[in-house]
Every structure is written in C-alpha cells, then in structure tokens.
Amino acid sequence: MGKSFADAVREDMERGSDKRAAREKYPALRTIARYFYALSTIVIVLGVLDLVGSMAFAVIGRPGWYFSAVAVGQGVLALLVASSAALSLRAKAESILVLIDIEQNTRDAVRAAKSITE
C-alpha cells in the first residue's frame, strides 16, 4: 500500500516546497500589491493632513462658528473618504497576495497527491 497523505505532506515539507521560487513567481503581481499598499498609506496620510489643515484653518481662519463648523466638517469628511479609499486599496493588495498563495498551495497539494500515488 502507498504512503498516507500526511506522510507525503511531511516529506514534501522536509524537501522544501520551493518557497524561494514561490517568492520569485509573479513579480509583477507582487509589485502591484506593494504599489497598492504604498498608495493606501499615502492616501491615509493625506487624509490626516487634510483633517489637521482643516482644524487649523477653522482656528485661525475667518471668525464665526459657521465657517469653523464647515471647515471641521470638510476635514472629517475628507478623512472618512481617505480611510475608505485606503481600506479599498489595502483589500486589493491583500486579494492579489491571497490569489498568489492559493496558487502555491494548490501546486503543493497536487505535488503531495502525486507523491502518494507513486
């Protein structure tokens, strides 16, 4: 009788499942994911700077509670929009990385299944 699935997986892990090769695979997708991460960080930083700028403008700008309330409201709204955009960009980056991991795990499972049948 052939070896069990657990034995095949253990042997495959001992041999190493080409983790270095997996990291070098799909460099364009990995670059796009890094780009989305960087862009999301930039977006959230700009949102925070807009909020701080709006608060400062409300304090040192024109006198009047209405003008200050509008400036603060605009800053909070800008932060909410920036947070939403940053979250969306991070989700895109994670989705790309998950798809790459799924491909590698599928390849490892096929390799382990083939070693059981041999």
PDB file of N, CA and C in Angstrom:
ATOM      1  N   MET A   1       0.847  -1.181   0.000  1.00  0.00           N
ATOM      2  CA  MET A   1       0.000   0.000   0.000  1.00  0.00           C
ATOM      3  C   MET A   1       0.888   1.238   0.000  1.00  0.00           C
ATOM      4  N   GLY A   2       0.388   2.296  -0.615  1.00  0.00           N
ATOM      5  CA  GLY A   2       1.143   3.542  -0.716  1.00  0.00           C
ATOM      6  C   GLY A   2       1.205   4.266   0.615  1.00  0.00           C
ATOM      7  N   LYS A   3       1.938   5.330   0.606  1.00  0.00           N
ATOM      8  CA  LYS A   3       2.054   6.101   1.839  1.00  0.00           C
ATOM      9  C   LYS A   3       0.826   6.982   2.041  1.00  0.00           C
ATOM     10  N   SER A   4       0.632   7.412   3.268  1.00  0.00           N
ATOM     11  CA  SER A   4      -0.538   8.224   3.585  1.00  0.00           C
ATOM     12  C   SER A   4      -0.317   9.663   3.120  1.00  0.00           C
ATOM     13  N   PHE A   5      -1.406  10.386   3.086  1.00  0.00           N
ATOM     14  CA  PHE A   5      -1.345  11.790   2.671  1.00  0.00           C
ATOM     15  C   PHE A   5      -0.476  12.590   3.638  1.00  0.00           C
ATOM     16  N   ALA A   6      -0.611  12.303   4.921  1.00  0.00           N
ATOM     17  CA  ALA A   6       0.178  13.028   5.926  1.00  0.00           C
ATOM     18  C   ALA A   6       1.667  12.773   5.726  1.00  0.00           C
ATOM     19  N   ASP A   7       2.037  11.522   5.410  1.00  0.00           N
ATOM     20  CA  ASP A   7       3.456  11.216   5.156  1.00  0.00           C
ATOM     21  C   ASP A   7       3.960  11.948   3.927  1.00  0.00           C
ATOM     22  N   ALA A   8       3.130  12.005   2.900  1.00  0.00           N
ATOM     23  CA  ALA A   8       3.533  12.697   1.678  1.00  0.00           C
ATOM     24  C   ALA A   8       3.726  14.184   1.933  1.00  0.00           C
ATOM     25  N   VAL A   9       2.825  14.769   2.697  1.00  0.00           N
ATOM     26  CA  VAL A   9       2.951  16.194   3.014  1.00  0.00           C
ATOM     27  C   VAL A   9       4.197  16.437   3.856  1.00  0.00           C
ATOM     28  N   ARG A  10       4.446  15.551   4.823  1.00  0.00           N
ATOM     29  CA  ARG A  10       5.639  15.688   5.671  1.00  0.00           C
ATOM     30  C   ARG A  10       6.911  15.613   4.835  1.00  0.00           C
ATOM     31  N   GLU A  11       6.962  14.658   3.904  1.00  0.00           N
ATOM     32  CA  GLU A  11       8.137  14.548   3.034  1.00  0.00           C
ATOM     33  C   GLU A  11       8.300  15.789   2.175  1.00  0.00           C
ATOM     34  N   ASP A  12       7.186  16.275   1.663  1.00  0.00           N
ATOM     35  CA  ASP A  12       7.230  17.465   0.828  1.00  0.00           C
ATOM     36  C   ASP A  12       7.740  18.665   1.614  1.00  0.00           C
ATOM     37  N   MET A  13       7.304  18.784   2.866  1.00  0.00           N
ATOM     38  CA  MET A  13       7.764  19.899   3.697  1.00  0.00           C
ATOM     39  C   MET A  13       9.236  19.754   4.038  1.00  0.00           C
ATOM     40  N   GLU A  14       9.695  18.508   4.253  1.00  0.00           N
ATOM     41  CA  GLU A  14      11.104  18.298   4.549  1.00  0.00           C
ATOM     42  C   GLU A  14      11.978  18.645   3.356  1.00  0.00           C
ATOM     43  N   ARG A  15      11.494  18.314   2.148  1.00  0.00           N
ATOM     44  CA  ARG A  15      12.230  18.660   0.936  1.00  0.00           C
ATOM     45  C   ARG A  15      12.219  20.151   0.693  1.00  0.00           C
ATOM     46  N   GLY A  16      11.205  20.803   1.213  1.00  0.00           N
ATOM     47  CA  GLY A  16      11.029  22.231   0.936  1.00  0.00           C
ATOM     48  C   GLY A  16      10.129  22.359  -0.268  1.00  0.00           C
ATOM     49  N   SER A  17       9.153  23.188  -0.167  1.00  0.00           N
ATOM     50  CA  SER A  17       8.185  23.290  -1.262  1.00  0.00           C
ATOM     51  C   SER A  17       8.449  24.517  -2.118  1.00  0.00           C
ATOM     52  N   ASP A  18       9.694  24.755  -2.412  1.00  0.00           N
ATOM     53  CA  ASP A  18      10.077  25.832  -3.320  1.00  0.00           C
ATOM     54  C   ASP A  18       9.571  27.197  -2.853  1.00  0.00           C
ATOM     55  N   LYS A  19       9.776  27.496  -1.574  1.00  0.00           N
ATOM     56  CA  LYS A  19       9.297  28.790  -1.056  1.00  0.00           C
ATOM     57  C   LYS A  19      10.039  29.951  -1.716  1.00  0.00           C
ATOM     58  N   ARG A  20      11.328  29.736  -1.967  1.00  0.00           N
ATOM     59  CA  ARG A  20      12.085  30.796  -2.621  1.00  0.00           C
ATOM     60  C   ARG A  20      11.578  31.010  -4.045  1.00  0.00           C
ATOM     61  N   ALA A  21      11.301  29.911  -4.742  1.00  0.00           N
ATOM     62  CA  ALA A  21      10.776  30.021  -6.100  1.00  0.00           C
ATOM     63  C   ALA A  21       9.400  30.659  -6.089  1.00  0.00           C
ATOM     64  N   ALA A  22       8.612  30.376  -5.056  1.00  0.00           N
ATOM     65  CA  ALA A  22       7.276  30.972  -4.962  1.00  0.00           C
ATOM     66  C   ALA A  22       7.375  32.475  -4.772  1.00  0.00           C
ATOM     67  N   ARG A  23       8.378  32.922  -4.013  1.00  0.00           N
ATOM     68  CA  ARG A  23       8.543  34.357  -3.810  1.00  0.00           C
ATOM     69  C   ARG A  23       8.960  35.059  -5.097  1.00  0.00           C
ATOM     70  N   GLU A  24       9.672  34.331  -5.955  1.00  0.00           N
ATOM     71  CA  GLU A  24      10.123  34.926  -7.206  1.00  0.00           C
ATOM     72  C   GLU A  24       9.074  34.811  -8.299  1.00  0.00           C
ATOM     73  N   LYS A  25       8.026  34.055  -8.041  1.00  0.00           N
ATOM     74  CA  LYS A  25       6.990  33.859  -9.038  1.00  0.00           C
ATOM     75  C   LYS A  25       6.026  35.045  -9.011  1.00  0.00           C
ATOM     76  N   TYR A  26       5.548  35.405 -10.152  1.00  0.00           N
ATOM     77  CA  TYR A  26       4.609  36.520 -10.316  1.00  0.00           C
ATOM     78  C   TYR A  26       5.154  37.838  -9.752  1.00  0.00           C
ATOM     79  N   PRO A  27       6.323  38.270 -10.202  1.00  0.00           N
ATOM     80  CA  PRO A  27       6.877  39.521  -9.660  1.00  0.00           C
ATOM     81  C   PRO A  27       6.025  40.752  -9.997  1.00  0.00           C
ATOM     82  N   ALA A  28       5.345  40.731 -11.140  1.00  0.00           N
ATOM     83  CA  ALA A  28       4.512  41.884 -11.498  1.00  0.00           C
ATOM     84  C   ALA A  28       3.330  42.017 -10.540  1.00  0.00           C
ATOM     85  N   LEU A  29       2.703  40.890 -10.204  1.00  0.00           N
ATOM     86  CA  LEU A  29       1.580  40.949  -9.266  1.00  0.00           C
ATOM     87  C   LEU A  29       2.037  41.385  -7.880  1.00  0.00           C
ATOM     88  N   ARG A  30       3.196  40.907  -7.464  1.00  0.00           N
ATOM     89  CA  ARG A  30       3.723  41.322  -6.159  1.00  0.00           C
ATOM     90  C   ARG A  30       4.052  42.821  -6.162  1.00  0.00           C
ATOM     91  N   THR A  31       4.555  43.324  -7.275  1.00  0.00           N
ATOM     92  CA  THR A  31       4.847  44.749  -7.388  1.00  0.00           C
ATOM     93  C   THR A  31       3.558  45.567  -7.335  1.00  0.00           C
ATOM     94  N   ILE A  32       2.522  45.094  -8.007  1.00  0.00           N
ATOM     95  CA  ILE A  32       1.235  45.789  -7.975  1.00  0.00           C
ATOM     96  C   ILE A  32       0.673  45.810  -6.555  1.00  0.00           C
ATOM     97  N   ALA A  33       0.802  44.692  -5.843  1.00  0.00           N
ATOM     98  CA  ALA A  33       0.326  44.639  -4.455  1.00  0.00           C
ATOM     99  C   ALA A  33       1.092  45.639  -3.584  1.00  0.00           C
ATOM    100  N   ARG A  34       2.419  45.698  -3.762  1.00  0.00           N
ATOM    101  CA  ARG A  34       3.214  46.671  -3.000  1.00  0.00           C
ATOM    102  C   ARG A  34       2.807  48.100  -3.349  1.00  0.00           C
ATOM    103  N   TYR A  35       2.523  48.335  -4.623  1.00  0.00           N
ATOM    104  CA  TYR A  35       2.075  49.656  -5.064  1.00  0.00           C
ATOM    105  C   TYR A  35       0.765  50.030  -4.372  1.00  0.00           C
ATOM    106  N   PHE A  36      -0.180  49.095  -4.307  1.00  0.00           N
ATOM    107  CA  PHE A  36      -1.455  49.373  -3.638  1.00  0.00           C
ATOM    108  C   PHE A  36      -1.246  49.651  -2.152  1.00  0.00           C
ATOM    109  N   TYR A  37      -0.345  48.893  -1.501  1.00  0.00           N
ATOM    110  CA  TYR A  37      -0.053  49.155  -0.088  1.00  0.00           C
ATOM    111  C   TYR A  37       0.519  50.558   0.097  1.00  0.00           C
ATOM    112  N   ALA A  38       1.490  50.915  -0.734  1.00  0.00           N
ATOM    113  CA  ALA A  38       2.114  52.239  -0.613  1.00  0.00           C
ATOM    114  C   ALA A  38       1.099  53.346  -0.890  1.00  0.00           C
ATOM    115  N   LEU A  39       0.289  53.140  -1.909  1.00  0.00           N
ATOM    116  CA  LEU A  39      -0.710  54.147  -2.248  1.00  0.00           C
ATOM    117  C   LEU A  39      -1.736  54.313  -1.133  1.00  0.00           C
ATOM    118  N   SER A  40      -2.114  53.212  -0.487  1.00  0.00           N
ATOM    119  CA  SER A  40      -3.071  53.326   0.616  1.00  0.00           C
ATOM    120  C   SER A  40      -2.473  54.094   1.790  1.00  0.00           C
ATOM    121  N   THR A  41      -1.195  53.897   2.038  1.00  0.00           N
ATOM    122  CA  THR A  41      -0.528  54.633   3.113  1.00  0.00           C
ATOM    123  C   THR A  41      -0.481  56.124   2.786  1.00  0.00           C
ATOM    124  N   ILE A  42      -0.169  56.446   1.545  1.00  0.00           N
ATOM    125  CA  ILE A  42      -0.120  57.844   1.132  1.00  0.00           C
ATOM    126  C   ILE A  42      -1.499  58.490   1.250  1.00  0.00           C
ATOM    127  N   VAL A  43      -2.533  57.762   0.832  1.00  0.00           N
ATOM    128  CA  VAL A  43      -3.897  58.296   0.887  1.00  0.00           C
ATOM    129  C   VAL A  43      -4.315  58.597   2.321  1.00  0.00           C
ATOM    130  N   ILE A  44      -4.025  57.694   3.249  1.00  0.00           N
ATOM    131  CA  ILE A  44      -4.441  57.917   4.637  1.00  0.00           C
ATOM    132  C   ILE A  44      -3.633  59.059   5.261  1.00  0.00           C
ATOM    133  N   VAL A  45      -2.360  59.175   4.919  1.00  0.00           N
ATOM    134  CA  VAL A  45      -1.554  60.291   5.435  1.00  0.00           C
ATOM    135  C   VAL A  45      -2.097  61.623   4.911  1.00  0.00           C
ATOM    136  N   LEU A  46      -2.452  61.666   3.636  1.00  0.00           N
ATOM    137  CA  LEU A  46      -3.030  62.888   3.084  1.00  0.00           C
ATOM    138  C   LEU A  46      -4.380  63.214   3.718  1.00  0.00           C
ATOM    139  N   GLY A  47      -5.155  62.188   4.031  1.00  0.00           N
ATOM    140  CA  GLY A  47      -6.431  62.420   4.714  1.00  0.00           C
ATOM    141  C   GLY A  47      -6.239  63.013   6.099  1.00  0.00           C
ATOM    142  N   VAL A  48      -5.252  62.504   6.831  1.00  0.00           N
ATOM    143  CA  VAL A  48      -4.963  63.046   8.163  1.00  0.00           C
ATOM    144  C   VAL A  48      -4.444  64.472   8.052  1.00  0.00           C
ATOM    145  N   LEU A  49      -3.569  64.725   7.075  1.00  0.00           N
ATOM    146  CA  LEU A  49      -3.068  66.093   6.884  1.00  0.00           C
ATOM    147  C   LEU A  49      -4.191  67.054   6.511  1.00  0.00           C
ATOM    148  N   ASP A  50      -5.139  66.579   5.712  1.00  0.00           N
ATOM    149  CA  ASP A  50      -6.288  67.429   5.371  1.00  0.00           C
ATOM    150  C   ASP A  50      -7.110  67.742   6.610  1.00  0.00           C
ATOM    151  N   LEU A  51      -7.312  66.755   7.473  1.00  0.00           N
ATOM    152  CA  LEU A  51      -8.059  66.994   8.709  1.00  0.00           C
ATOM    153  C   LEU A  51      -7.334  68.003   9.594  1.00  0.00           C
ATOM    154  N   VAL A  52      -6.032  67.827   9.740  1.00  0.00           N
ATOM    155  CA  VAL A  52      -5.248  68.760  10.567  1.00  0.00           C
ATOM    156  C   VAL A  52      -5.288  70.162   9.961  1.00  0.00           C
ATOM    157  N   GLY A  53      -5.145  70.239   8.641  1.00  0.00           N
ATOM    158  CA  GLY A  53      -5.202  71.543   7.979  1.00  0.00           C
ATOM    159  C   GLY A  53      -6.561  72.203   8.135  1.00  0.00           C
ATOM    160  N   SER A  54      -7.620  71.423   8.051  1.00  0.00           N
ATOM    161  CA  SER A  54      -8.964  71.985   8.220  1.00  0.00           C
ATOM    162  C   SER A  54      -9.178  72.478   9.643  1.00  0.00           C
ATOM    163  N   MET A  55      -8.673  71.721  10.603  1.00  0.00           N
ATOM    164  CA  MET A  55      -8.787  72.146  12.000  1.00  0.00           C
ATOM    165  C   MET A  55      -8.010  73.440  12.225  1.00  0.00           C
ATOM    166  N   ALA A  56      -6.806  73.513  11.679  1.00  0.00           N
ATOM    167  CA  ALA A  56      -6.002  74.727  11.829  1.00  0.00           C
ATOM    168  C   ALA A  56      -6.679  75.907  11.133  1.00  0.00           C
ATOM    169  N   PHE A  57      -7.244  75.645   9.970  1.00  0.00           N
ATOM    170  CA  PHE A  57      -7.934  76.715   9.241  1.00  0.00           C
ATOM    171  C   PHE A  57      -9.167  77.180  10.000  1.00  0.00           C
ATOM    172  N   ALA A  58      -9.831  76.248  10.681  1.00  0.00           N
ATOM    173  CA  ALA A  58     -11.013  76.615  11.470  1.00  0.00           C
ATOM    174  C   ALA A  58     -10.620  77.499  12.653  1.00  0.00           C
ATOM    175  N   VAL A  59      -9.441  77.233  13.209  1.00  0.00           N
ATOM    176  CA  VAL A  59      -8.994  78.000  14.373  1.00  0.00           C
ATOM    177  C   VAL A  59      -8.463  79.376  13.960  1.00  0.00           C
ATOM    178  N   ILE A  60      -7.655  79.434  12.903  1.00  0.00           N
ATOM    179  CA  ILE A  60      -7.022  80.711  12.541  1.00  0.00           C
ATOM    180  C   ILE A  60      -7.697  81.397  11.359  1.00  0.00           C
ATOM    181  N   GLY A  61      -8.740  80.781  10.804  1.00  0.00           N
ATOM    182  CA  GLY A  61      -9.424  81.353   9.643  1.00  0.00           C
ATOM    183  C   GLY A  61     -10.360  82.473  10.030  1.00  0.00           C
ATOM    184  N   ARG A  62     -11.341  82.673   9.216  1.00  0.00           N
ATOM    185  CA  ARG A  62     -12.342  83.710   9.471  1.00  0.00           C
ATOM    186  C   ARG A  62     -13.059  83.468  10.790  1.00  0.00           C
ATOM    187  N   PRO A  63     -13.436  84.514  11.457  1.00  0.00           N
ATOM    188  CA  PRO A  63     -14.214  84.321  12.683  1.00  0.00           C
ATOM    189  C   PRO A  63     -15.638  83.896  12.355  1.00  0.00           C
ATOM    190  N   GLY A  64     -16.240  83.222  13.256  1.00  0.00           N
ATOM    191  CA  GLY A  64     -17.623  82.792  13.066  1.00  0.00           C
ATOM    192  C   GLY A  64     -17.736  81.293  13.213  1.00  0.00           C
ATOM    193  N   TRP A  65     -18.770  80.892  13.946  1.00  0.00           N
ATOM    194  CA  TRP A  65     -18.915  79.467  14.222  1.00  0.00           C
ATOM    195  C   TRP A  65     -19.295  78.687  12.967  1.00  0.00           C
ATOM    196  N   TYR A  66     -20.045  79.300  12.053  1.00  0.00           N
ATOM    197  CA  TYR A  66     -20.487  78.588  10.858  1.00  0.00           C
ATOM    198  C   TYR A  66     -19.297  78.203   9.988  1.00  0.00           C
ATOM    199  N   PHE A  67     -18.403  79.152   9.772  1.00  0.00           N
ATOM    200  CA  PHE A  67     -17.237  78.892   8.948  1.00  0.00           C
ATOM    201  C   PHE A  67     -16.359  77.816   9.582  1.00  0.00           C
ATOM    202  N   SER A  68     -16.193  77.869  10.896  1.00  0.00           N
ATOM    203  CA  SER A  68     -15.380  76.864  11.592  1.00  0.00           C
ATOM    204  C   SER A  68     -16.024  75.487  11.497  1.00  0.00           C
ATOM    205  N   ALA A  69     -17.339  75.428  11.638  1.00  0.00           N
ATOM    206  CA  ALA A  69     -18.039  74.145  11.558  1.00  0.00           C
ATOM    207  C   ALA A  69     -17.909  73.533  10.166  1.00  0.00           C
ATOM    208  N   VAL A  70     -17.993  74.366   9.141  1.00  0.00           N
ATOM    209  CA  VAL A  70     -17.853  73.866   7.767  1.00  0.00           C
ATOM    210  C   VAL A  70     -16.433  73.350   7.537  1.00  0.00           C
ATOM    211  N   ALA A  71     -15.443  74.063   8.025  1.00  0.00           N
ATOM    212  CA  ALA A  71     -14.055  73.633   7.848  1.00  0.00           C
ATOM    213  C   ALA A  71     -13.797  72.312   8.565  1.00  0.00           C
ATOM    214  N   VAL A  72     -14.283  72.182   9.790  1.00  0.00           N
ATOM    215  CA  VAL A  72     -14.098  70.934  10.533  1.00  0.00           C
ATOM    216  C   VAL A  72     -14.865  69.796   9.855  1.00  0.00           C
ATOM    217  N   GLY A  73     -16.079  70.066   9.413  1.00  0.00           N
ATOM    218  CA  GLY A  73     -16.875  69.050   8.717  1.00  0.00           C
ATOM    219  C   GLY A  73     -16.189  68.575   7.446  1.00  0.00           C
ATOM    220  N   GLN A  74     -15.604  69.516   6.713  1.00  0.00           N
ATOM    221  CA  GLN A  74     -14.888  69.147   5.497  1.00  0.00           C
ATOM    222  C   GLN A  74     -13.683  68.275   5.820  1.00  0.00           C
ATOM    223  N   GLY A  75     -12.971  68.593   6.898  1.00  0.00           N
ATOM    224  CA  GLY A  75     -11.811  67.795   7.289  1.00  0.00           C
ATOM    225  C   GLY A  75     -12.190  66.388   7.703  1.00  0.00           C
ATOM    226  N   VAL A  76     -13.269  66.267   8.467  1.00  0.00           N
ATOM    227  CA  VAL A  76     -13.730  64.942   8.897  1.00  0.00           C
ATOM    228  C   VAL A  76     -14.209  64.132   7.697  1.00  0.00           C
ATOM    229  N   LEU A  77     -14.924  64.772   6.803  1.00  0.00           N
ATOM    230  CA  LEU A  77     -15.396  64.085   5.601  1.00  0.00           C
ATOM    231  C   LEU A  77     -14.215  63.622   4.744  1.00  0.00           C
ATOM    232  N   ALA A  78     -13.207  64.462   4.611  1.00  0.00           N
ATOM    233  CA  ALA A  78     -12.020  64.091   3.841  1.00  0.00           C
ATOM    234  C   ALA A  78     -11.312  62.892   4.478  1.00  0.00           C
ATOM    235  N   LEU A  79     -11.258  62.872   5.803  1.00  0.00           N
ATOM    236  CA  LEU A  79     -10.634  61.733   6.486  1.00  0.00           C
ATOM    237  C   LEU A  79     -11.441  60.456   6.271  1.00  0.00           C
ATOM    238  N   LEU A  80     -12.766  60.556   6.309  1.00  0.00           N
ATOM    239  CA  LEU A  80     -13.603  59.377   6.062  1.00  0.00           C
ATOM    240  C   LEU A  80     -13.433  58.852   4.643  1.00  0.00           C
ATOM    241  N   VAL A  81     -13.391  59.747   3.674  1.00  0.00           N
ATOM    242  CA  VAL A  81     -13.201  59.335   2.279  1.00  0.00           C
ATOM    243  C   VAL A  81     -11.814  58.722   2.099  1.00  0.00           C
ATOM    244  N   ALA A  82     -10.798  59.332   2.702  1.00  0.00           N
ATOM    245  CA  ALA A  82      -9.442  58.800   2.592  1.00  0.00           C
ATOM    246  C   ALA A  82      -9.336  57.431   3.256  1.00  0.00           C
ATOM    247  N   SER A  83      -9.985  57.260   4.386  1.00  0.00           N
ATOM    248  CA  SER A  83      -9.965  55.964   5.067  1.00  0.00           C
ATOM    249  C   SER A  83     -10.637  54.888   4.227  1.00  0.00           C
ATOM    250  N   SER A  84     -11.745  55.237   3.626  1.00  0.00           N
ATOM    251  CA  SER A  84     -12.451  54.291   2.765  1.00  0.00           C
ATOM    252  C   SER A  84     -11.602  53.909   1.551  1.00  0.00           C
ATOM    253  N   ALA A  85     -10.974  54.887   0.937  1.00  0.00           N
ATOM    254  CA  ALA A  85     -10.122  54.620  -0.227  1.00  0.00           C
ATOM    255  C   ALA A  85      -8.905  53.781   0.174  1.00  0.00           C
ATOM    256  N   ALA A  86      -8.303  54.100   1.318  1.00  0.00           N
ATOM    257  CA  ALA A  86      -7.138  53.345   1.782  1.00  0.00           C
ATOM    258  C   ALA A  86      -7.519  51.900   2.095  1.00  0.00           C
ATOM    259  N   LEU A  87      -8.668  51.714   2.710  1.00  0.00           N
ATOM    260  CA  LEU A  87      -9.134  50.361   3.011  1.00  0.00           C
ATOM    261  C   LEU A  87      -9.369  49.565   1.731  1.00  0.00           C
ATOM    262  N   SER A  88      -9.925  50.203   0.740  1.00  0.00           N
ATOM    263  CA  SER A  88     -10.162  49.549  -0.546  1.00  0.00           C
ATOM    264  C   SER A  88      -8.845  49.161  -1.216  1.00  0.00           C
ATOM    265  N   LEU A  89      -7.872  50.043  -1.171  1.00  0.00           N
ATOM    266  CA  LEU A  89      -6.568  49.739  -1.766  1.00  0.00           C
ATOM    267  C   LEU A  89      -5.869  48.599  -1.029  1.00  0.00           C
ATOM    268  N   ARG A  90      -5.950  48.605   0.300  1.00  0.00           N
ATOM    269  CA  ARG A  90      -5.359  47.501   1.071  1.00  0.00           C
ATOM    270  C   ARG A  90      -6.038  46.175   0.749  1.00  0.00           C
ATOM    271  N   ALA A  91      -7.356  46.212   0.583  1.00  0.00           N
ATOM    272  CA  ALA A  91      -8.091  44.990   0.253  1.00  0.00           C
ATOM    273  C   ALA A  91      -7.672  44.465  -1.116  1.00  0.00           C
ATOM    274  N   LYS A  92      -7.453  45.350  -2.063  1.00  0.00           N
ATOM    275  CA  LYS A  92      -6.973  44.917  -3.383  1.00  0.00           C
ATOM    276  C   LYS A  92      -5.610  44.260  -3.279  1.00  0.00           C
ATOM    277  N   ALA A  93      -4.718  44.870  -2.509  1.00  0.00           N
ATOM    278  CA  ALA A  93      -3.374  44.308  -2.345  1.00  0.00           C
ATOM    279  C   ALA A  93      -3.439  42.936  -1.685  1.00  0.00           C
ATOM    280  N   GLU A  94      -4.237  42.808  -0.646  1.00  0.00           N
ATOM    281  CA  GLU A  94      -4.368  41.515   0.036  1.00  0.00           C
ATOM    282  C   GLU A  94      -4.992  40.463  -0.878  1.00  0.00           C
ATOM    283  N   SER A  95      -5.946  40.870  -1.695  1.00  0.00           N
ATOM    284  CA  SER A  95      -6.578  39.926  -2.622  1.00  0.00           C
ATOM    285  C   SER A  95      -5.560  39.363  -3.604  1.00  0.00           C
ATOM    286  N   ILE A  96      -4.698  40.206  -4.110  1.00  0.00           N
ATOM    287  CA  ILE A  96      -3.659  39.744  -5.031  1.00  0.00           C
ATOM    288  C   ILE A  96      -2.748  38.748  -4.334  1.00  0.00           C
ATOM    289  N   LEU A  97      -2.321  39.058  -3.111  1.00  0.00           N
ATOM    290  CA  LEU A  97      -1.426  38.159  -2.384  1.00  0.00           C
ATOM    291  C   LEU A  97      -2.113  36.845  -2.023  1.00  0.00           C
ATOM    292  N   VAL A  98      -3.400  36.892  -1.706  1.00  0.00           N
ATOM    293  CA  VAL A  98      -4.145  35.666  -1.401  1.00  0.00           C
ATOM    294  C   VAL A  98      -4.218  34.775  -2.637  1.00  0.00           C
ATOM    295  N   LEU A  99      -4.477  35.368  -3.800  1.00  0.00           N
ATOM    296  CA  LEU A  99      -4.536  34.571  -5.021  1.00  0.00           C
ATOM    297  C   LEU A  99      -3.196  33.907  -5.326  1.00  0.00           C
ATOM    298  N   ILE A 100      -2.101  34.608  -5.076  1.00  0.00           N
ATOM    299  CA  ILE A 100      -0.775  34.012  -5.277  1.00  0.00           C
ATOM    300  C   ILE A 100      -0.572  32.860  -4.299  1.00  0.00           C
ATOM    301  N   ASP A 101      -0.974  33.038  -3.040  1.00  0.00           N
ATOM    302  CA  ASP A 101      -0.846  31.971  -2.048  1.00  0.00           C
ATOM    303  C   ASP A 101      -1.720  30.768  -2.392  1.00  0.00           C
ATOM    304  N   ILE A 102      -2.928  31.017  -2.903  1.00  0.00           N
ATOM    305  CA  ILE A 102      -3.806  29.916  -3.297  1.00  0.00           C
ATOM    306  C   ILE A 102      -3.153  29.104  -4.413  1.00  0.00           C
ATOM    307  N   GLU A 103      -2.543  29.792  -5.364  1.00  0.00           N
ATOM    308  CA  GLU A 103      -1.870  29.089  -6.455  1.00  0.00           C
ATOM    309  C   GLU A 103      -0.747  28.211  -5.928  1.00  0.00           C
ATOM    310  N   GLN A 104       0.051  28.744  -5.003  1.00  0.00           N
ATOM    311  CA  GLN A 104       1.166  27.974  -4.453  1.00  0.00           C
ATOM    312  C   GLN A 104       0.662  26.791  -3.630  1.00  0.00           C
ATOM    313  N   ASN A 105      -0.378  26.997  -2.828  1.00  0.00           N
ATOM    314  CA  ASN A 105      -0.923  25.900  -2.029  1.00  0.00           C
ATOM    315  C   ASN A 105      -1.528  24.821  -2.913  1.00  0.00           C
ATOM    316  N   THR A 106      -2.166  25.213  -4.002  1.00  0.00           N
ATOM    317  CA  THR A 106      -2.713  24.233  -4.942  1.00  0.00           C
ATOM    318  C   THR A 106      -1.592  23.424  -5.570  1.00  0.00           C
ATOM    319  N   ARG A 107      -0.533  24.099  -5.944  1.00  0.00           N
ATOM    320  CA  ARG A 107       0.629  23.402  -6.517  1.00  0.00           C
ATOM    321  C   ARG A 107       1.214  22.411  -5.501  1.00  0.00           C
ATOM    322  N   ASP A 108       1.319  22.828  -4.233  1.00  0.00           N
ATOM    323  CA  ASP A 108       1.845  21.928  -3.198  1.00  0.00           C
ATOM    324  C   ASP A 108       0.927  20.732  -2.982  1.00  0.00           C
ATOM    325  N   ALA A 109      -0.384  20.946  -3.004  1.00  0.00           N
ATOM    326  CA  ALA A 109      -1.333  19.846  -2.804  1.00  0.00           C
ATOM    327  C   ALA A 109      -1.268  18.849  -3.953  1.00  0.00           C
ATOM    328  N   VAL A 110      -1.148  19.337  -5.172  1.00  0.00           N
ATOM    329  CA  VAL A 110      -1.026  18.441  -6.330  1.00  0.00           C
ATOM    330  C   VAL A 110       0.261  17.640  -6.236  1.00  0.00           C
ATOM    331  N   ARG A 111       1.339  18.288  -5.843  1.00  0.00           N
ATOM    332  CA  ARG A 111       2.617  17.591  -5.707  1.00  0.00           C
ATOM    333  C   ARG A 111       2.524  16.499  -4.628  1.00  0.00           C
ATOM    334  N   ALA A 112       1.868  16.819  -3.522  1.00  0.00           N
ATOM    335  CA  ALA A 112       1.717  15.832  -2.452  1.00  0.00           C
ATOM    336  C   ALA A 112       0.814  14.671  -2.906  1.00  0.00           C
ATOM    337  N   ALA A 113      -0.257  14.993  -3.642  1.00  0.00           N
ATOM    338  CA  ALA A 113      -1.147  13.938  -4.134  1.00  0.00           C
ATOM    339  C   ALA A 113      -0.453  13.052  -5.138  1.00  0.00           C
ATOM    340  N   LYS A 114       0.383  13.625  -5.974  1.00  0.00           N
ATOM    341  CA  LYS A 114       1.143  12.809  -6.947  1.00  0.00           C
ATOM    342  C   LYS A 114       2.137  11.891  -6.247  1.00  0.00           C
ATOM    343  N   SER A 115       2.748  12.389  -5.183  1.00  0.00           N
ATOM    344  CA  SER A 115       3.728  11.555  -4.472  1.00  0.00           C
ATOM    345  C   SER A 115       3.054  10.395  -3.741  1.00  0.00           C
ATOM    346  N   ILE A 116       1.764  10.543  -3.401  1.00  0.00           N
ATOM    347  CA  ILE A 116       1.036   9.435  -2.763  1.00  0.00           C
ATOM    348  C   ILE A 116       0.785   8.317  -3.775  1.00  0.00           C
ATOM    349  N   THR A 117       0.434   8.712  -4.974  1.00  0.00           N
ATOM    350  CA  THR A 117       0.093   7.707  -5.988  1.00  0.00           C
ATOM    351  C   THR A 117       1.312   7.018  -6.563  1.00  0.00           C
ATOM    352  N   GLU A 118       2.475   7.589  -6.394  1.00  0.00           N
ATOM    353  CA  GLU A 118       3.696   6.976  -6.947  1.00  0.00           C
ATOM    354  C   GLU A 118       4.243   5.911  -6.048  1.00  0.00           C
TER     355      GLU A 118
END
